[in-house]
């Protein structure tokens, strides 16, 4: 079996620190997507070879380990233990040219089912992000007694799999779901 470095899925609900020494944040732009208007900044890292857009009202958070980007809604006051977050994490890498995306997503589902209380998969679908085969998972689970919804986009570039994780308290998710969808689709490998 290929050597695959698997990152724990618990990263979805943890607040991280982001080192921006090799990153560039660009000017804000305003877009309308699926009937929702919001302002965006963009983030790119030549060192990690990624580009993503994120809401301009959100604050960057520091990345550690395989996490390459993170942002959180900076006015989250409802529950200080759980924030509305977006992160990009490299969860698999190989020196071979192809990775089995379905296998990685299946392993991630097993890890989440074992790690979270009342885990329930709501949606699993295929899509294309930046011309790469990708899978989307939408699931709900409990964290510290709170219902959390997470949408995860697994992007399979030639020798890596990146996870774009978007997580919110369940009662806030609906208002952010279209924003999360746009953000995931803005992701690109540079």
N, C-alpha and C. Protein backbone atom coordinates (compact mmCIF):
# COMPACT_ATOMS: atom_id res chain seq x y z
N UNK A 1 0.85 -1.18 0.00
CA UNK A 1 0.00 0.00 0.00
C UNK A 1 0.89 1.24 0.00
N UNK A 2 0.46 2.25 -0.68
CA UNK A 2 1.21 3.50 -0.78
C UNK A 2 1.40 4.10 0.60
N UNK A 3 2.53 4.77 0.77
CA UNK A 3 2.74 5.50 2.02
C UNK A 3 1.86 6.73 2.00
N UNK A 4 0.93 6.76 2.88
CA UNK A 4 0.01 7.90 2.95
C UNK A 4 0.05 8.46 4.36
N UNK A 5 0.30 9.73 4.45
CA UNK A 5 0.32 10.40 5.75
C UNK A 5 -1.08 10.87 6.04
N UNK A 6 -1.75 10.23 6.99
CA UNK A 6 -3.16 10.52 7.30
C UNK A 6 -3.23 11.50 8.47
N UNK A 7 -3.89 12.61 8.28
CA UNK A 7 -4.06 13.62 9.33
C UNK A 7 -5.35 13.32 10.09
N UNK A 8 -5.34 13.44 11.37
CA UNK A 8 -6.56 13.19 12.15
C UNK A 8 -7.64 14.18 11.76
N UNK A 9 -8.86 13.70 11.69
CA UNK A 9 -9.99 14.53 11.28
C UNK A 9 -10.43 15.47 12.39
N UNK A 10 -9.96 15.24 13.60
CA UNK A 10 -10.32 16.15 14.69
C UNK A 10 -9.85 17.57 14.42
N UNK A 11 -8.97 17.74 13.44
CA UNK A 11 -8.48 19.06 13.08
C UNK A 11 -9.62 19.99 12.67
N UNK A 12 -10.75 19.38 12.29
CA UNK A 12 -11.90 20.16 11.81
C UNK A 12 -12.41 21.14 12.85
N UNK A 13 -12.36 20.78 14.13
CA UNK A 13 -12.98 21.62 15.14
C UNK A 13 -11.96 22.30 16.05
N UNK A 14 -10.70 22.25 15.70
CA UNK A 14 -9.66 22.86 16.54
C UNK A 14 -9.25 24.20 15.94
N UNK A 15 -9.02 25.18 16.77
CA UNK A 15 -8.53 26.49 16.30
C UNK A 15 -7.01 26.42 16.18
N UNK A 16 -6.52 26.88 15.06
CA UNK A 16 -5.09 26.75 14.78
C UNK A 16 -4.42 28.12 14.67
N UNK A 17 -3.12 28.09 14.61
CA UNK A 17 -2.30 29.28 14.40
C UNK A 17 -1.72 29.23 12.99
N UNK A 18 -1.78 30.33 12.26
CA UNK A 18 -1.35 30.33 10.85
C UNK A 18 -0.08 31.15 10.68
N UNK A 19 0.97 30.52 10.16
CA UNK A 19 2.20 31.26 9.88
C UNK A 19 2.14 31.77 8.47
N UNK A 20 2.27 33.07 8.30
CA UNK A 20 2.08 33.69 7.00
C UNK A 20 3.37 34.24 6.41
N UNK A 21 4.51 33.71 6.83
CA UNK A 21 5.77 34.25 6.36
C UNK A 21 5.94 34.09 4.86
N UNK A 22 5.34 33.10 4.23
CA UNK A 22 5.48 32.90 2.79
C UNK A 22 4.15 33.04 2.08
N UNK A 23 3.23 33.74 2.69
CA UNK A 23 1.88 33.82 2.15
C UNK A 23 1.57 35.24 1.72
N UNK A 24 0.59 35.35 0.85
CA UNK A 24 0.20 36.65 0.35
C UNK A 24 -1.31 36.79 0.49
N UNK A 25 -1.74 37.91 1.06
CA UNK A 25 -3.16 38.20 1.19
C UNK A 25 -3.45 39.35 0.24
N UNK A 26 -4.43 39.18 -0.62
CA UNK A 26 -4.73 40.17 -1.64
C UNK A 26 -5.91 41.02 -1.24
N UNK A 27 -6.19 42.03 -2.06
CA UNK A 27 -7.28 42.98 -1.78
C UNK A 27 -8.63 42.32 -1.75
N UNK A 28 -9.51 42.95 -1.00
CA UNK A 28 -10.89 42.49 -0.85
C UNK A 28 -11.67 42.68 -2.15
N UNK A 29 -12.57 41.73 -2.44
CA UNK A 29 -13.49 41.87 -3.55
C UNK A 29 -14.88 41.47 -3.08
N UNK A 30 -15.90 41.99 -3.74
CA UNK A 30 -17.28 41.69 -3.38
C UNK A 30 -17.88 40.85 -4.51
N UNK A 31 -18.52 39.73 -4.15
CA UNK A 31 -19.14 38.86 -5.15
C UNK A 31 -20.57 38.51 -4.72
N UNK A 32 -21.36 38.08 -5.69
CA UNK A 32 -22.67 37.49 -5.40
C UNK A 32 -22.63 36.08 -5.95
N UNK A 33 -22.95 35.11 -5.08
CA UNK A 33 -22.92 33.69 -5.44
C UNK A 33 -24.17 33.04 -4.90
N UNK A 34 -24.94 32.41 -5.77
CA UNK A 34 -26.20 31.76 -5.38
C UNK A 34 -27.10 32.69 -4.56
N UNK A 35 -27.15 33.97 -4.97
CA UNK A 35 -28.05 34.92 -4.32
C UNK A 35 -27.52 35.54 -3.04
N UNK A 36 -26.29 35.22 -2.65
CA UNK A 36 -25.70 35.78 -1.42
C UNK A 36 -24.54 36.68 -1.82
N UNK A 37 -24.51 37.90 -1.27
CA UNK A 37 -23.41 38.82 -1.54
C UNK A 37 -22.49 38.86 -0.34
N UNK A 38 -21.18 38.74 -0.59
CA UNK A 38 -20.21 38.80 0.49
C UNK A 38 -18.86 39.28 -0.04
N UNK A 39 -18.05 39.79 0.88
CA UNK A 39 -16.72 40.28 0.55
C UNK A 39 -15.69 39.19 0.80
N UNK A 40 -14.69 39.15 -0.08
CA UNK A 40 -13.66 38.11 0.03
C UNK A 40 -12.27 38.70 -0.02
N UNK A 41 -11.36 38.07 0.68
CA UNK A 41 -9.93 38.25 0.50
C UNK A 41 -9.42 36.96 -0.10
N UNK A 42 -8.23 36.99 -0.66
CA UNK A 42 -7.64 35.77 -1.17
C UNK A 42 -6.32 35.51 -0.45
N UNK A 43 -5.99 34.25 -0.36
CA UNK A 43 -4.79 33.79 0.31
C UNK A 43 -4.04 32.89 -0.66
N UNK A 44 -2.75 33.14 -0.81
CA UNK A 44 -1.95 32.24 -1.62
C UNK A 44 -0.62 31.99 -0.92
N UNK A 45 -0.13 30.80 -1.11
CA UNK A 45 1.15 30.41 -0.54
C UNK A 45 1.97 29.72 -1.63
N UNK A 46 3.02 30.38 -2.08
CA UNK A 46 3.90 29.77 -3.08
C UNK A 46 4.60 28.55 -2.51
N UNK A 47 4.96 28.63 -1.24
CA UNK A 47 5.65 27.51 -0.59
C UNK A 47 4.80 26.24 -0.60
N UNK A 48 3.50 26.38 -0.32
CA UNK A 48 2.60 25.23 -0.28
C UNK A 48 1.84 25.02 -1.58
N UNK A 49 1.95 25.97 -2.51
CA UNK A 49 1.33 25.83 -3.81
C UNK A 49 -0.18 25.85 -3.81
N UNK A 50 -0.77 26.71 -2.95
CA UNK A 50 -2.24 26.77 -2.87
C UNK A 50 -2.73 28.21 -2.98
N UNK A 51 -4.00 28.32 -3.39
CA UNK A 51 -4.71 29.59 -3.44
C UNK A 51 -6.13 29.30 -2.99
N UNK A 52 -6.68 30.20 -2.16
CA UNK A 52 -8.08 30.07 -1.72
C UNK A 52 -8.60 31.45 -1.36
N UNK A 53 -9.90 31.64 -1.52
CA UNK A 53 -10.54 32.86 -1.09
C UNK A 53 -11.30 32.58 0.20
N UNK A 54 -11.48 33.63 1.01
CA UNK A 54 -12.17 33.47 2.30
C UNK A 54 -12.87 34.80 2.63
N UNK A 55 -13.91 34.76 3.48
CA UNK A 55 -14.63 35.99 3.82
C UNK A 55 -13.70 37.03 4.44
N UNK A 56 -13.78 38.26 3.96
CA UNK A 56 -12.87 39.30 4.43
C UNK A 56 -13.11 39.67 5.89
N UNK A 57 -14.29 39.37 6.42
CA UNK A 57 -14.57 39.69 7.82
C UNK A 57 -14.02 38.62 8.77
N UNK A 58 -13.46 37.55 8.23
CA UNK A 58 -12.91 36.47 9.06
C UNK A 58 -11.44 36.75 9.33
N UNK A 59 -10.95 36.21 10.43
CA UNK A 59 -9.54 36.40 10.77
C UNK A 59 -8.75 35.13 10.48
N UNK A 60 -7.52 35.35 9.99
CA UNK A 60 -6.63 34.22 9.75
C UNK A 60 -6.20 33.62 11.08
N UNK A 61 -6.02 32.32 11.09
CA UNK A 61 -5.51 31.63 12.27
C UNK A 61 -4.29 30.83 11.86
N UNK A 62 -3.40 30.63 12.77
CA UNK A 62 -2.12 30.01 12.46
C UNK A 62 -2.24 28.53 12.14
N UNK A 63 -1.45 28.11 11.18
CA UNK A 63 -1.44 26.70 10.77
C UNK A 63 -0.28 25.98 11.44
N UNK A 64 -0.51 24.71 11.72
CA UNK A 64 0.54 23.86 12.28
C UNK A 64 0.52 22.54 11.54
N UNK A 65 1.68 21.92 11.43
CA UNK A 65 1.75 20.61 10.81
C UNK A 65 1.34 20.66 9.35
N UNK A 66 0.43 19.81 8.98
CA UNK A 66 -0.01 19.72 7.59
C UNK A 66 -1.12 20.70 7.24
N UNK A 67 -1.57 21.49 8.22
CA UNK A 67 -2.58 22.50 7.92
C UNK A 67 -1.89 23.65 7.21
N UNK A 68 -2.41 24.04 6.05
CA UNK A 68 -1.78 25.05 5.21
C UNK A 68 -2.45 26.42 5.29
N UNK A 69 -3.71 26.44 5.70
CA UNK A 69 -4.49 27.68 5.77
C UNK A 69 -5.59 27.51 6.80
N UNK A 70 -5.93 28.59 7.49
CA UNK A 70 -7.06 28.56 8.41
C UNK A 70 -7.63 29.95 8.61
N UNK A 71 -8.94 30.01 8.76
CA UNK A 71 -9.63 31.28 9.05
C UNK A 71 -10.84 30.96 9.90
N UNK A 72 -11.23 31.93 10.74
CA UNK A 72 -12.43 31.74 11.56
C UNK A 72 -13.21 33.03 11.60
N UNK A 73 -14.51 32.88 11.80
CA UNK A 73 -15.38 34.02 11.94
C UNK A 73 -14.97 34.73 13.22
N UNK A 74 -14.54 35.99 13.12
CA UNK A 74 -13.93 36.64 14.28
C UNK A 74 -14.93 37.20 15.28
N UNK A 75 -16.22 37.08 15.04
CA UNK A 75 -17.19 37.55 16.04
C UNK A 75 -17.98 36.39 16.63
N UNK A 76 -17.40 35.20 16.63
CA UNK A 76 -18.06 34.04 17.23
C UNK A 76 -18.09 34.22 18.75
N UNK A 77 -19.25 34.43 19.28
CA UNK A 77 -19.36 34.59 20.73
C UNK A 77 -20.32 33.58 21.33
N UNK A 78 -21.10 32.91 20.49
CA UNK A 78 -22.10 31.98 21.00
C UNK A 78 -21.48 30.83 21.79
N UNK A 79 -20.42 30.27 21.27
CA UNK A 79 -19.76 29.16 21.95
C UNK A 79 -18.27 29.29 21.69
N UNK A 80 -17.52 29.67 22.66
CA UNK A 80 -16.10 29.93 22.49
C UNK A 80 -15.30 28.67 22.19
N UNK A 81 -15.85 27.48 22.45
CA UNK A 81 -15.14 26.24 22.17
C UNK A 81 -15.26 25.81 20.72
N UNK A 82 -16.26 26.30 20.03
CA UNK A 82 -16.49 25.91 18.64
C UNK A 82 -16.67 27.16 17.81
N UNK A 83 -15.88 27.28 16.76
CA UNK A 83 -15.96 28.45 15.89
C UNK A 83 -16.39 28.03 14.50
N UNK A 84 -16.90 28.99 13.75
CA UNK A 84 -17.09 28.80 12.32
C UNK A 84 -15.69 28.88 11.73
N UNK A 85 -15.24 27.80 11.12
CA UNK A 85 -13.86 27.75 10.64
C UNK A 85 -13.78 27.21 9.22
N UNK A 86 -12.70 27.60 8.57
CA UNK A 86 -12.32 27.09 7.26
C UNK A 86 -10.85 26.71 7.39
N UNK A 87 -10.49 25.55 6.89
CA UNK A 87 -9.07 25.21 6.87
C UNK A 87 -8.74 24.38 5.64
N UNK A 88 -7.49 24.45 5.23
CA UNK A 88 -6.97 23.60 4.16
C UNK A 88 -5.85 22.80 4.78
N UNK A 89 -5.96 21.48 4.65
CA UNK A 89 -4.99 20.57 5.23
C UNK A 89 -4.53 19.58 4.17
N UNK A 90 -3.24 19.34 4.13
CA UNK A 90 -2.72 18.28 3.27
C UNK A 90 -2.86 16.99 4.05
N UNK A 91 -3.70 16.06 3.58
CA UNK A 91 -3.94 14.84 4.36
C UNK A 91 -3.27 13.61 3.76
N UNK A 92 -2.80 13.71 2.53
CA UNK A 92 -2.10 12.57 1.93
C UNK A 92 -1.12 13.09 0.89
N UNK A 93 0.01 12.39 0.80
CA UNK A 93 1.01 12.73 -0.20
C UNK A 93 1.81 11.48 -0.52
N UNK A 94 2.14 11.32 -1.78
CA UNK A 94 2.93 10.18 -2.19
C UNK A 94 3.86 10.60 -3.32
N UNK A 95 4.94 9.85 -3.52
CA UNK A 95 5.83 10.14 -4.64
C UNK A 95 5.33 9.45 -5.91
N UNK A 96 4.29 8.66 -5.79
CA UNK A 96 3.67 8.05 -6.96
C UNK A 96 2.70 9.04 -7.59
N UNK A 97 2.33 8.81 -8.82
CA UNK A 97 1.54 9.80 -9.54
C UNK A 97 0.04 9.78 -9.21
N UNK A 98 -0.46 8.72 -8.59
CA UNK A 98 -1.90 8.64 -8.37
C UNK A 98 -2.20 8.16 -6.95
N UNK A 99 -3.21 8.78 -6.36
CA UNK A 99 -3.68 8.42 -5.03
C UNK A 99 -5.13 7.97 -5.16
N UNK A 100 -5.52 6.96 -4.41
CA UNK A 100 -6.89 6.47 -4.44
C UNK A 100 -7.74 7.35 -3.52
N UNK A 101 -8.44 8.32 -4.11
CA UNK A 101 -9.22 9.28 -3.35
C UNK A 101 -10.34 8.59 -2.57
N UNK A 102 -11.02 7.66 -3.18
CA UNK A 102 -12.12 6.97 -2.50
C UNK A 102 -11.64 6.27 -1.25
N UNK A 103 -10.48 5.66 -1.32
CA UNK A 103 -9.90 4.97 -0.15
C UNK A 103 -9.62 5.96 0.98
N UNK A 104 -9.09 7.11 0.65
CA UNK A 104 -8.77 8.12 1.67
C UNK A 104 -10.05 8.67 2.29
N UNK A 105 -11.07 8.94 1.48
CA UNK A 105 -12.33 9.45 2.01
C UNK A 105 -12.98 8.39 2.90
N UNK A 106 -12.96 7.13 2.46
CA UNK A 106 -13.53 6.04 3.27
C UNK A 106 -12.81 5.93 4.63
N UNK A 107 -11.48 6.02 4.62
CA UNK A 107 -10.70 5.97 5.88
C UNK A 107 -11.06 7.15 6.78
N UNK A 108 -11.23 8.32 6.18
CA UNK A 108 -11.59 9.51 6.96
C UNK A 108 -12.97 9.35 7.60
N UNK A 109 -13.90 8.78 6.86
CA UNK A 109 -15.24 8.52 7.42
C UNK A 109 -15.17 7.58 8.62
N UNK A 110 -14.39 6.52 8.50
CA UNK A 110 -14.23 5.58 9.60
C UNK A 110 -13.64 6.29 10.81
N UNK A 111 -12.61 7.11 10.60
CA UNK A 111 -11.99 7.87 11.70
C UNK A 111 -12.99 8.79 12.38
N UNK A 112 -13.84 9.46 11.59
CA UNK A 112 -14.82 10.37 12.17
C UNK A 112 -15.90 9.61 12.93
N UNK A 113 -16.35 8.50 12.38
CA UNK A 113 -17.36 7.69 13.07
C UNK A 113 -16.85 7.21 14.43
N UNK A 114 -15.55 6.90 14.50
CA UNK A 114 -14.94 6.43 15.75
C UNK A 114 -14.65 7.58 16.71
N UNK A 115 -14.49 8.79 16.20
CA UNK A 115 -14.03 9.92 17.01
C UNK A 115 -15.15 10.80 17.56
N UNK A 116 -16.27 10.88 16.87
CA UNK A 116 -17.31 11.83 17.24
C UNK A 116 -18.59 11.13 17.67
N UNK A 117 -19.24 11.69 18.68
CA UNK A 117 -20.53 11.19 19.12
C UNK A 117 -21.61 11.54 18.10
N UNK A 118 -22.55 10.66 17.95
CA UNK A 118 -23.71 10.87 17.08
C UNK A 118 -23.31 11.35 15.69
N UNK A 119 -22.26 10.77 15.14
CA UNK A 119 -21.80 11.11 13.80
C UNK A 119 -22.82 10.61 12.77
N UNK A 120 -23.18 11.48 11.82
CA UNK A 120 -24.12 11.09 10.79
C UNK A 120 -23.70 11.73 9.47
N UNK A 121 -23.49 10.91 8.45
CA UNK A 121 -23.17 11.40 7.12
C UNK A 121 -24.45 11.85 6.44
N UNK A 122 -24.52 13.12 6.04
CA UNK A 122 -25.71 13.68 5.41
C UNK A 122 -25.63 13.64 3.89
N UNK A 123 -24.43 13.76 3.35
CA UNK A 123 -24.26 13.84 1.90
C UNK A 123 -22.86 13.38 1.52
N UNK A 124 -22.77 12.67 0.41
CA UNK A 124 -21.48 12.33 -0.19
C UNK A 124 -21.65 12.46 -1.69
N UNK A 125 -20.83 13.30 -2.31
CA UNK A 125 -20.97 13.53 -3.74
C UNK A 125 -19.61 13.78 -4.39
N UNK A 126 -19.58 13.63 -5.69
CA UNK A 126 -18.37 13.88 -6.48
C UNK A 126 -18.48 15.24 -7.14
N UNK A 127 -17.37 15.91 -7.30
CA UNK A 127 -17.33 17.19 -7.99
C UNK A 127 -15.92 17.43 -8.49
N UNK A 128 -15.75 18.51 -9.24
CA UNK A 128 -14.44 18.91 -9.75
C UNK A 128 -14.09 20.23 -9.10
N UNK A 129 -12.88 20.31 -8.54
CA UNK A 129 -12.35 21.56 -7.99
C UNK A 129 -10.99 21.77 -8.64
N UNK A 130 -10.80 22.90 -9.28
CA UNK A 130 -9.56 23.24 -9.96
C UNK A 130 -9.14 22.12 -10.92
N UNK A 131 -10.09 21.59 -11.64
CA UNK A 131 -9.89 20.53 -12.62
C UNK A 131 -9.51 19.18 -12.02
N UNK A 132 -9.57 19.04 -10.71
CA UNK A 132 -9.20 17.79 -10.06
C UNK A 132 -10.43 17.07 -9.52
N UNK A 133 -10.40 15.74 -9.64
CA UNK A 133 -11.45 14.92 -9.06
C UNK A 133 -11.50 15.19 -7.56
N UNK A 134 -12.71 15.42 -7.06
CA UNK A 134 -12.88 15.76 -5.65
C UNK A 134 -14.12 15.06 -5.11
N UNK A 135 -14.17 14.92 -3.80
CA UNK A 135 -15.36 14.39 -3.14
C UNK A 135 -15.78 15.36 -2.05
N UNK A 136 -17.09 15.48 -1.88
CA UNK A 136 -17.65 16.36 -0.85
C UNK A 136 -18.40 15.49 0.16
N UNK A 137 -18.13 15.72 1.43
CA UNK A 137 -18.87 15.09 2.52
C UNK A 137 -19.53 16.18 3.33
N UNK A 138 -20.76 15.95 3.72
CA UNK A 138 -21.44 16.84 4.66
C UNK A 138 -21.92 15.95 5.79
N UNK A 139 -21.51 16.29 7.01
CA UNK A 139 -21.86 15.44 8.14
C UNK A 139 -22.19 16.28 9.37
N UNK A 140 -22.86 15.65 10.31
CA UNK A 140 -23.22 16.29 11.57
C UNK A 140 -22.71 15.40 12.69
N UNK A 141 -22.27 16.02 13.78
CA UNK A 141 -21.77 15.27 14.94
C UNK A 141 -21.81 16.17 16.16
N UNK A 142 -21.55 15.59 17.32
CA UNK A 142 -21.54 16.35 18.57
C UNK A 142 -20.12 16.66 19.01
N UNK A 143 -19.93 17.90 19.46
CA UNK A 143 -18.67 18.33 20.07
C UNK A 143 -19.04 19.07 21.34
N UNK A 144 -18.59 18.59 22.47
CA UNK A 144 -18.91 19.20 23.76
C UNK A 144 -20.42 19.42 23.93
N UNK A 145 -21.21 18.47 23.46
CA UNK A 145 -22.66 18.55 23.59
C UNK A 145 -23.34 19.44 22.57
N UNK A 146 -22.58 20.04 21.66
CA UNK A 146 -23.13 20.91 20.63
C UNK A 146 -23.18 20.19 19.29
N UNK A 147 -24.27 20.38 18.56
CA UNK A 147 -24.40 19.82 17.23
C UNK A 147 -23.59 20.68 16.25
N UNK A 148 -22.71 20.02 15.50
CA UNK A 148 -21.81 20.69 14.57
C UNK A 148 -22.03 20.09 13.19
N UNK A 149 -22.03 20.95 12.17
CA UNK A 149 -22.10 20.47 10.79
C UNK A 149 -20.80 20.85 10.10
N UNK A 150 -20.26 19.90 9.36
CA UNK A 150 -19.02 20.14 8.64
C UNK A 150 -19.18 19.69 7.19
N UNK A 151 -18.72 20.53 6.29
CA UNK A 151 -18.63 20.17 4.89
C UNK A 151 -17.15 20.04 4.57
N UNK A 152 -16.78 18.88 4.05
CA UNK A 152 -15.38 18.60 3.75
C UNK A 152 -15.25 18.31 2.26
N UNK A 153 -14.30 18.97 1.65
CA UNK A 153 -14.03 18.80 0.23
C UNK A 153 -12.64 18.18 0.12
N UNK A 154 -12.55 16.97 -0.41
CA UNK A 154 -11.29 16.27 -0.59
C UNK A 154 -10.87 16.47 -2.05
N UNK A 155 -9.75 17.16 -2.27
CA UNK A 155 -9.29 17.50 -3.62
C UNK A 155 -8.07 16.63 -3.94
N UNK A 156 -8.17 15.86 -5.02
CA UNK A 156 -7.14 14.90 -5.41
C UNK A 156 -6.30 15.46 -6.55
N UNK A 157 -5.19 16.13 -6.22
CA UNK A 157 -4.26 16.57 -7.25
C UNK A 157 -3.32 15.40 -7.55
N UNK A 158 -2.43 15.51 -8.51
CA UNK A 158 -1.68 14.33 -8.95
C UNK A 158 -1.00 13.49 -7.86
N UNK A 159 -0.38 14.09 -6.87
CA UNK A 159 0.28 13.27 -5.85
C UNK A 159 -0.07 13.69 -4.42
N UNK A 160 -1.15 14.45 -4.27
CA UNK A 160 -1.57 14.92 -2.95
C UNK A 160 -3.09 14.91 -2.85
N UNK A 161 -3.56 14.84 -1.61
CA UNK A 161 -4.98 15.09 -1.34
C UNK A 161 -5.04 16.20 -0.31
N UNK A 162 -5.77 17.25 -0.65
CA UNK A 162 -6.01 18.35 0.28
C UNK A 162 -7.44 18.25 0.77
N UNK A 163 -7.62 18.58 2.04
CA UNK A 163 -8.95 18.65 2.63
C UNK A 163 -9.28 20.11 2.89
N UNK A 164 -10.39 20.57 2.34
CA UNK A 164 -10.91 21.90 2.65
C UNK A 164 -12.07 21.64 3.60
N UNK A 165 -11.88 21.99 4.85
CA UNK A 165 -12.90 21.74 5.87
C UNK A 165 -13.59 23.03 6.27
N UNK A 166 -14.92 22.99 6.29
CA UNK A 166 -15.74 24.15 6.66
C UNK A 166 -16.70 23.68 7.75
N UNK A 167 -16.59 24.25 8.94
CA UNK A 167 -17.32 23.75 10.10
C UNK A 167 -18.05 24.87 10.82
N UNK A 168 -19.28 24.58 11.26
CA UNK A 168 -20.09 25.56 12.00
C UNK A 168 -20.98 24.84 13.00
N UNK A 169 -21.42 25.57 14.01
CA UNK A 169 -22.50 25.07 14.84
C UNK A 169 -23.70 24.84 13.93
N UNK A 170 -24.48 23.82 14.21
CA UNK A 170 -25.60 23.45 13.33
C UNK A 170 -26.56 24.61 13.10
N UNK A 171 -26.83 25.41 14.12
CA UNK A 171 -27.80 26.50 13.96
C UNK A 171 -27.24 27.68 13.16
N UNK A 172 -25.95 27.67 12.83
CA UNK A 172 -25.35 28.73 12.02
C UNK A 172 -24.98 28.25 10.62
N UNK A 173 -25.00 26.95 10.40
CA UNK A 173 -24.48 26.38 9.16
C UNK A 173 -25.27 26.84 7.93
N UNK A 174 -26.58 26.84 8.01
CA UNK A 174 -27.39 27.17 6.83
C UNK A 174 -27.02 28.54 6.25
N UNK A 175 -26.77 29.51 7.12
CA UNK A 175 -26.44 30.85 6.64
C UNK A 175 -25.05 30.91 6.00
N UNK A 176 -24.21 29.92 6.26
CA UNK A 176 -22.84 29.92 5.73
C UNK A 176 -22.60 28.88 4.63
N UNK A 177 -23.55 28.00 4.41
CA UNK A 177 -23.31 26.88 3.49
C UNK A 177 -22.94 27.32 2.08
N UNK A 178 -23.63 28.32 1.52
CA UNK A 178 -23.31 28.79 0.17
C UNK A 178 -21.95 29.47 0.13
N UNK A 179 -21.59 30.16 1.20
CA UNK A 179 -20.27 30.78 1.29
C UNK A 179 -19.20 29.69 1.29
N UNK A 180 -19.41 28.64 2.09
CA UNK A 180 -18.46 27.53 2.14
C UNK A 180 -18.30 26.87 0.78
N UNK A 181 -19.41 26.69 0.07
CA UNK A 181 -19.36 26.08 -1.25
C UNK A 181 -18.51 26.92 -2.20
N UNK A 182 -18.72 28.23 -2.18
CA UNK A 182 -17.92 29.11 -3.03
C UNK A 182 -16.43 29.02 -2.66
N UNK A 183 -16.14 29.07 -1.37
CA UNK A 183 -14.75 29.04 -0.91
C UNK A 183 -14.05 27.78 -1.40
N UNK A 184 -14.71 26.64 -1.26
CA UNK A 184 -14.09 25.38 -1.71
C UNK A 184 -13.81 25.42 -3.21
N UNK A 185 -14.73 25.98 -3.96
CA UNK A 185 -14.55 26.03 -5.42
C UNK A 185 -13.52 27.07 -5.84
N UNK A 186 -13.15 27.98 -4.94
CA UNK A 186 -12.09 28.97 -5.26
C UNK A 186 -10.71 28.37 -5.08
N UNK A 187 -10.61 27.23 -4.41
CA UNK A 187 -9.32 26.60 -4.12
C UNK A 187 -8.63 26.18 -5.42
N UNK A 188 -7.32 26.43 -5.47
CA UNK A 188 -6.56 25.95 -6.62
C UNK A 188 -5.14 25.59 -6.19
N UNK A 189 -4.57 24.69 -6.98
CA UNK A 189 -3.17 24.28 -6.80
C UNK A 189 -2.35 25.16 -7.73
N UNK A 190 -1.30 25.78 -7.20
CA UNK A 190 -0.49 26.69 -8.02
C UNK A 190 0.80 26.02 -8.42
